[in-house]
Amino acid sequence: MRKIKRIVSIVSIGLISLSLYGCSSIDKVKSMIFEEDPDVEFIRSDEEDIKVSMESNLRETIIYYENDKGYLVPVKREIPWEEGIGKSVLKNMIDSSAIREDIEKIGFKPIIPSGTKVLGMTVSETTGLCKVDFSSDILNYETKKQEANLVKAIVYTLTEFPNIKEVQIMIDGKEGSTLKHGTDISKPLKRENINLIETSEVNNDGGYSKILVYYKGTNDKKYDHYVPITIPVSAPIVNPEMAVEKLFKKPSKELSGLYTDIPNGVEFKEAKVTDDTIYLSLDLKDKEALKEQDVVDKMTKNIGLTLNQFKDIKNIELLVEGKKLQDTVPAFANEY
């Protein structure tokens, strides 16, 4: 079994999760992404790359696991290259003694029930629809929360592939209707509402939208990790300033065990967007709050993760009393 790196490293990947090492064309790795059989089409894209380490024969991929508080967490991991890598990624989510032992060391749990088999996978070149067929063992869960996390983890993990836009879950070769706790799988599913919370702050009279905010958690293995939380807000359209305001207000009481990397004594004043750069003005109430570079780095990463949902934002500048504190870019959260 591959030894897990025990240090969480910060990896800035801009707004694209996947890039190609050592190959000028995605055709050179297409046979490794999905199995070359009649049931599978590989979707070509010259604009979206896939990150491959040809020397180590490992592929970086993002897999969604569950933490000890029941939140879904995106984890960047390296898994061995093999043909049909799409199915291989799903197999790394299935509960087995090997997978559980591997990821329990970093405080996470596999999301797909034990014994589940991936029977097939097809991807439409024209629509980006991925149909994935599981054995009926996938239904061996108990609670409504487990059902919701199961479906979202599959959808979010598969749509990390750049050309999969939505996912149709099938069971024993048949398209489903609703699962036992009411989740509708009769139609294709897109990425939405990960770790959705209910809040009393929303006023439906004026319409509402949802913001994704990255908070911090520490699991029972003492690993810090970022958790994406979907929060309804009383506004018809969200913008970057609203997301930063929500982050600086700290988590609500419903979000047990979560916190932020915004230090006490630092307040958000305003945001200004020019072209692809957002300028965030901060008010320093405590002159010692940003004295340590590690504190600044963690804060900028936390802000960058939260602003990653706004695809027009490529750069972030933090300003204190009108002076530039630090540049950052939207980054990826958790790597082990």
Protein backbone atom coordinates (compact mmCIF):
# COMPACT_ATOMS: atom_id res chain seq x y z
CA MET A 1 0.00 0.00 0.00
CA ARG A 2 1.28 3.45 -0.88
CA LYS A 3 2.45 5.44 2.09
CA ILE A 4 0.38 8.55 2.73
CA LYS A 5 2.15 11.88 2.97
CA ARG A 6 1.33 13.28 6.40
CA ILE A 7 1.81 16.93 5.53
CA VAL A 8 -0.89 19.06 3.96
CA SER A 9 0.76 21.16 1.26
CA ILE A 10 -0.63 24.28 -0.37
CA VAL A 11 -0.98 23.88 -4.11
CA SER A 12 -2.04 26.86 -6.18
CA ILE A 13 -3.74 25.58 -9.29
CA GLY A 14 -5.53 28.71 -10.40
CA LEU A 15 -8.98 27.93 -11.71
CA ILE A 16 -8.06 24.70 -13.49
CA SER A 17 -7.65 21.58 -11.41
CA LEU A 18 -5.95 19.49 -14.04
CA SER A 19 -2.92 20.20 -16.22
CA LEU A 20 -0.66 18.00 -18.31
CA TYR A 21 2.95 17.18 -17.56
CA GLY A 22 5.26 16.05 -20.31
CA CYS A 23 2.70 15.74 -23.13
CA SER A 24 1.67 18.30 -25.68
CA SER A 25 -1.60 16.60 -26.53
CA ILE A 26 -4.32 15.03 -24.46
CA ASP A 27 -4.50 12.23 -27.05
CA LYS A 28 -1.36 10.71 -25.53
CA VAL A 29 -3.18 9.90 -22.33
CA LYS A 30 -6.72 9.28 -23.56
CA SER A 31 -6.48 5.53 -23.21
CA MET A 32 -5.64 5.99 -19.55
CA ILE A 33 -8.69 8.06 -18.69
CA PHE A 34 -11.51 5.74 -19.65
CA GLU A 35 -11.46 2.17 -20.83
CA GLU A 36 -11.20 1.73 -24.58
CA ASP A 37 -14.28 -0.39 -25.10
CA PRO A 38 -17.59 0.04 -26.96
CA ASP A 39 -19.29 1.43 -23.85
CA VAL A 40 -16.92 4.32 -23.39
CA GLU A 41 -16.19 7.44 -25.34
CA PHE A 42 -13.24 9.59 -24.35
CA ILE A 43 -14.09 13.25 -24.64
CA ARG A 44 -11.38 15.23 -26.33
CA SER A 45 -10.61 18.75 -25.26
CA ASP A 46 -7.57 20.75 -26.29
CA GLU A 47 -8.49 23.46 -23.78
CA GLU A 48 -8.80 21.38 -20.63
CA ASP A 49 -5.72 19.42 -19.58
CA ILE A 50 -5.17 16.50 -17.27
CA LYS A 51 -2.29 16.38 -14.84
CA VAL A 52 -0.13 13.31 -15.17
CA SER A 53 3.26 12.42 -13.75
CA MET A 54 4.73 10.15 -16.38
CA GLU A 55 7.85 9.50 -14.30
CA SER A 56 6.05 8.22 -11.23
CA ASN A 57 3.11 6.65 -13.11
CA LEU A 58 0.70 8.41 -10.78
CA ARG A 59 -2.21 10.70 -11.56
CA GLU A 60 -3.39 13.56 -9.39
CA THR A 61 -7.13 13.44 -8.90
CA ILE A 62 -9.70 14.96 -6.57
CA ILE A 63 -11.85 12.57 -4.56
CA TYR A 64 -14.65 13.50 -2.17
CA TYR A 65 -14.62 11.74 1.18
CA GLU A 66 -16.57 12.24 4.39
CA ASN A 67 -15.00 13.68 7.54
CA ASP A 68 -15.85 12.81 11.13
CA LYS A 69 -18.53 15.55 11.27
CA GLY A 70 -20.34 14.20 8.19
CA TYR A 71 -19.17 16.92 5.77
CA LEU A 72 -17.96 16.09 2.29
CA VAL A 73 -14.34 17.14 1.78
CA PRO A 74 -12.42 17.35 -1.53
CA VAL A 75 -9.04 15.63 -1.22
CA LYS A 76 -6.35 15.75 -3.88
CA ARG A 77 -4.57 12.42 -4.04
CA GLU A 78 -2.22 10.56 -6.32
CA ILE A 79 -3.49 7.20 -7.54
CA PRO A 80 -1.74 4.72 -9.86
CA TRP A 81 -2.34 5.12 -13.57
CA GLU A 82 -4.38 2.42 -15.22
CA GLU A 83 -6.72 2.12 -18.15
CA GLY A 84 -10.19 3.18 -17.17
CA ILE A 85 -9.00 5.75 -14.64
CA GLY A 86 -12.54 7.09 -14.28
CA LYS A 87 -13.67 3.79 -12.82
CA SER A 88 -10.48 3.55 -10.79
CA VAL A 89 -11.24 6.87 -9.08
CA LEU A 90 -14.69 5.58 -8.08
CA LYS A 91 -13.13 2.38 -6.74
CA ASN A 92 -11.04 4.56 -4.44
CA MET A 93 -14.31 5.76 -2.90
CA ILE A 94 -15.71 2.29 -2.17
CA ASP A 95 -15.52 1.13 1.43
CA SER A 96 -13.04 -1.74 1.72
CA SER A 97 -10.49 -2.70 4.32
CA ALA A 98 -7.63 -1.37 2.17
CA ILE A 99 -9.28 1.98 1.29
CA ARG A 100 -10.58 2.51 4.82
CA GLU A 101 -7.18 1.81 6.37
CA ASP A 102 -5.56 4.16 3.86
CA ILE A 103 -7.76 7.21 4.37
CA GLU A 104 -8.63 6.69 8.04
CA LYS A 105 -5.02 7.67 8.73
CA ILE A 106 -5.92 11.18 7.63
CA GLY A 107 -9.31 11.17 9.33
CA PHE A 108 -11.70 10.52 6.42
CA LYS A 109 -14.16 7.78 5.50
CA PRO A 110 -15.00 6.18 2.12
CA ILE A 111 -18.44 7.17 0.90
CA ILE A 112 -19.62 4.28 -1.32
CA PRO A 113 -20.92 1.18 0.54
CA SER A 114 -18.75 -1.93 0.79
CA GLY A 115 -19.15 -4.51 -1.97
CA THR A 116 -20.34 -2.01 -4.59
CA LYS A 117 -19.06 -2.66 -8.09
CA VAL A 118 -18.72 -0.20 -10.96
CA LEU A 119 -20.38 -2.12 -13.77
CA GLY A 120 -19.86 0.39 -16.55
CA MET A 121 -19.35 3.98 -17.54
CA THR A 122 -20.13 5.97 -20.68
CA VAL A 123 -19.45 9.60 -21.49
CA SER A 124 -21.15 11.63 -24.22
CA GLU A 125 -18.77 13.64 -26.36
CA THR A 126 -21.45 16.16 -27.28
CA THR A 127 -23.18 16.78 -23.95
CA GLY A 128 -20.62 15.88 -21.31
CA LEU A 129 -23.09 13.47 -19.72
CA CYS A 130 -21.46 10.61 -17.80
CA LYS A 131 -23.61 7.55 -17.18
CA VAL A 132 -22.20 5.32 -14.47
CA ASP A 133 -23.70 1.96 -13.58
CA PHE A 134 -23.32 0.54 -10.07
CA SER A 135 -24.30 -2.79 -8.58
CA SER A 136 -27.24 -2.75 -6.17
CA ASP A 137 -24.79 -2.92 -3.26
CA ILE A 138 -24.61 0.85 -3.54
CA LEU A 139 -27.98 0.95 -1.77
CA ASN A 140 -26.54 -0.51 1.44
CA TYR A 141 -26.60 2.71 3.43
CA GLU A 142 -28.95 3.75 6.23
CA THR A 143 -29.65 7.44 6.72
CA LYS A 144 -30.90 10.32 4.59
CA LYS A 145 -27.62 12.15 5.22
CA GLN A 146 -25.61 9.17 3.97
CA GLU A 147 -27.77 9.03 0.85
CA ALA A 148 -27.30 12.71 0.08
CA ASN A 149 -23.54 12.55 0.66
CA LEU A 150 -23.24 9.41 -1.47
CA VAL A 151 -24.88 11.00 -4.49
CA LYS A 152 -23.08 14.32 -4.18
CA ALA A 153 -19.67 12.70 -3.66
CA ILE A 154 -20.08 10.67 -6.86
CA VAL A 155 -21.26 13.67 -8.87
CA TYR A 156 -18.59 16.04 -7.55
CA THR A 157 -15.77 13.52 -8.00
CA LEU A 158 -16.68 12.63 -11.58
CA THR A 159 -17.23 16.24 -12.62
CA GLU A 160 -13.65 16.99 -11.56
CA PHE A 161 -12.80 15.47 -14.94
CA PRO A 162 -12.81 18.54 -17.20
CA ASN A 163 -15.26 17.21 -19.78
CA ILE A 164 -17.84 15.62 -17.51
CA LYS A 165 -20.56 18.20 -16.90
CA GLU A 166 -23.27 16.05 -15.31
CA VAL A 167 -23.76 12.52 -14.05
CA GLN A 168 -26.55 9.95 -14.47
CA ILE A 169 -26.46 7.27 -11.77
CA MET A 170 -27.70 3.83 -12.81
CA ILE A 171 -28.17 0.69 -10.74
CA ASP A 172 -27.81 -2.80 -12.22
CA GLY A 173 -28.08 -1.41 -15.74
CA LYS A 174 -31.29 0.53 -15.11
CA GLU A 175 -31.93 4.23 -14.72
CA GLY A 176 -33.30 4.86 -11.26
CA SER A 177 -36.13 7.04 -10.03
CA THR A 178 -35.83 7.99 -6.39
CA LEU A 179 -33.65 6.42 -3.73
CA LYS A 180 -35.10 5.19 -0.43
CA HIS A 181 -34.79 8.56 1.31
CA GLY A 182 -36.16 10.52 -1.61
CA THR A 183 -33.10 11.59 -3.62
CA ASP A 184 -34.13 11.85 -7.28
CA ILE A 185 -31.69 10.08 -9.63
CA SER A 186 -34.10 9.83 -12.57
CA LYS A 187 -32.27 12.57 -14.44
CA PRO A 188 -28.68 13.77 -14.81
CA LEU A 189 -27.22 15.57 -11.80
CA LYS A 190 -24.88 18.56 -11.73
CA ARG A 191 -22.58 19.92 -9.05
CA GLU A 192 -24.66 21.90 -6.63
CA ASN A 193 -25.40 22.39 -2.94
CA ILE A 194 -22.47 20.51 -1.44
CA ASN A 195 -22.78 20.53 2.37
CA LEU A 196 -25.89 22.71 2.12
CA ILE A 197 -26.99 24.24 5.42
CA GLU A 198 -30.36 25.52 6.43
CA THR A 199 -30.37 29.07 7.75
CA SER A 200 -32.93 31.43 9.20
CA GLU A 201 -31.20 34.42 7.58
CA VAL A 202 -32.89 33.91 4.21
CA ASN A 203 -35.89 36.04 3.34
CA ASN A 204 -37.71 34.44 0.43
CA ASP A 205 -39.65 37.64 -0.33
CA GLY A 206 -36.64 39.17 -2.07
CA GLY A 207 -35.39 35.99 -3.67
CA TYR A 208 -32.31 34.12 -2.61
CA SER A 209 -29.14 32.56 -4.00
CA LYS A 210 -26.37 30.40 -2.58
CA ILE A 211 -22.75 31.13 -1.79
CA LEU A 212 -19.96 28.60 -1.38
CA VAL A 213 -17.68 29.39 1.55
CA TYR A 214 -14.61 27.37 2.54
CA TYR A 215 -14.29 26.90 6.27
CA LYS A 216 -11.65 25.01 8.20
CA GLY A 217 -12.02 21.85 10.22
CA THR A 218 -9.75 19.65 12.32
CA ASN A 219 -10.66 15.98 12.37
CA ASP A 220 -10.07 13.38 15.05
CA LYS A 221 -6.69 12.56 13.53
CA LYS A 222 -5.64 16.19 14.06
CA TYR A 223 -5.50 16.96 10.33
CA ASP A 224 -6.60 20.44 9.34
CA HIS A 225 -8.69 20.55 6.17
CA TYR A 226 -10.95 22.92 4.27
CA VAL A 227 -14.65 22.18 3.98
CA PRO A 228 -16.87 23.72 1.26
CA ILE A 229 -20.19 24.87 2.72
CA THR A 230 -23.16 26.01 0.62
CA ILE A 231 -25.01 28.86 2.35
CA PRO A 232 -28.33 30.38 1.18
CA VAL A 233 -28.33 34.18 1.18
CA SER A 234 -31.08 36.76 0.75
CA ALA A 235 -30.04 38.07 -2.65
CA PRO A 236 -31.09 37.15 -6.19
CA ILE A 237 -27.46 37.19 -7.42
CA VAL A 238 -24.24 36.66 -5.47
CA ASN A 239 -20.97 38.45 -6.05
CA PRO A 240 -17.38 38.14 -4.75
CA GLU A 241 -17.83 40.84 -2.10
CA MET A 242 -20.75 38.95 -0.56
CA ALA A 243 -18.69 35.76 -0.38
CA VAL A 244 -15.79 37.51 1.37
CA GLU A 245 -18.19 39.20 3.81
CA LYS A 246 -19.68 35.83 4.69
CA LEU A 247 -16.22 34.33 5.24
CA PHE A 248 -15.14 37.16 7.54
CA LYS A 249 -18.31 36.83 9.65
CA LYS A 250 -17.09 33.37 10.75
CA PRO A 251 -19.25 30.20 10.71
CA SER A 252 -22.79 30.25 12.08
CA LYS A 253 -23.75 28.15 15.08
CA GLU A 254 -25.16 25.43 12.81
CA LEU A 255 -21.63 24.66 11.59
CA SER A 256 -20.25 22.78 14.56
CA GLY A 257 -16.48 22.33 14.61
CA LEU A 258 -15.70 24.71 11.74
CA TYR A 259 -13.69 27.91 11.82
CA THR A 260 -11.73 30.17 9.46
CA ASP A 261 -8.13 31.22 8.90
CA ILE A 262 -9.11 34.88 9.32
CA PRO A 263 -7.25 36.03 12.46
CA ASN A 264 -8.93 38.08 15.17
CA GLY A 265 -8.29 41.77 14.70
CA VAL A 266 -8.63 41.71 10.90
CA GLU A 267 -11.85 43.05 9.36
CA PHE A 268 -13.07 43.24 5.79
CA LYS A 269 -13.90 46.74 4.50
CA GLU A 270 -14.69 46.60 0.78
CA ALA A 271 -13.93 44.93 -2.54
CA LYS A 272 -13.23 46.33 -5.98
CA VAL A 273 -12.98 44.29 -9.17
CA THR A 274 -10.87 45.51 -12.10
CA ASP A 275 -10.65 43.23 -15.11
CA ASP A 276 -9.73 39.80 -13.68
CA THR A 277 -8.34 41.07 -10.36
CA ILE A 278 -10.22 41.67 -7.12
CA TYR A 279 -8.79 44.14 -4.60
CA LEU A 280 -9.81 43.45 -1.01
CA SER A 281 -9.34 46.23 1.53
CA LEU A 282 -8.79 45.05 5.09
CA ASP A 283 -8.91 46.96 8.35
CA LEU A 284 -6.25 45.99 10.87
CA LYS A 285 -7.68 46.47 14.37
CA ASP A 286 -4.81 44.54 15.92
CA LYS A 287 -1.42 45.62 14.56
CA GLU A 288 0.09 42.27 15.56
CA ALA A 289 -2.59 40.15 13.84
CA LEU A 290 -0.69 39.72 10.56
CA LYS A 291 2.83 39.81 11.94
CA GLU A 292 3.58 36.17 11.10
CA GLN A 293 3.86 35.18 7.43
CA ASP A 294 2.26 31.80 8.11
CA VAL A 295 -0.87 33.58 9.36
CA VAL A 296 -0.97 35.73 6.21
CA ASP A 297 -0.49 32.69 3.96
CA LYS A 298 -3.33 30.78 5.61
CA MET A 299 -5.67 33.76 5.43
CA THR A 300 -4.95 34.40 1.75
CA LYS A 301 -5.52 30.75 0.91
CA ASN A 302 -8.82 30.70 2.77
CA ILE A 303 -9.95 33.79 0.83
CA GLY A 304 -8.69 32.32 -2.47
CA LEU A 305 -10.60 29.08 -1.99
CA THR A 306 -13.84 30.94 -1.31
CA LEU A 307 -13.40 33.16 -4.39
CA ASN A 308 -12.65 30.18 -6.63
CA GLN A 309 -16.38 29.96 -7.48
CA PHE A 310 -16.14 33.22 -9.42
CA LYS A 311 -14.47 32.12 -12.63
CA ASP A 312 -13.73 35.64 -13.84
CA ILE A 313 -11.46 36.26 -10.85
CA LYS A 314 -7.90 35.20 -11.66
CA ASN A 315 -5.94 37.27 -9.14
CA ILE A 316 -6.54 38.58 -5.63
CA GLU A 317 -4.76 41.50 -3.99
CA LEU A 318 -5.07 42.17 -0.27
CA LEU A 319 -4.71 45.79 0.81
CA VAL A 320 -4.10 47.10 4.34
CA GLU A 321 -4.33 50.86 4.70
CA GLY A 322 -4.07 51.11 0.92
CA LYS A 323 -0.83 49.13 0.73
CA LYS A 324 -0.56 45.72 -0.91
CA LEU A 325 -0.22 42.96 1.65
CA GLN A 326 -0.01 39.90 -0.57
CA ASP A 327 -1.08 38.55 -3.94
CA THR A 328 -2.85 35.24 -4.23
CA VAL A 329 -4.84 33.17 -6.69
CA PRO A 330 -7.73 30.80 -6.15
CA ALA A 331 -6.19 27.55 -4.95
CA PHE A 332 -7.00 23.92 -4.21
CA ALA A 333 -7.89 22.92 -0.70
CA ASN A 334 -6.61 19.57 0.59
CA GLU A 335 -3.70 17.47 -0.61
CA TYR A 336 -2.40 14.36 1.13
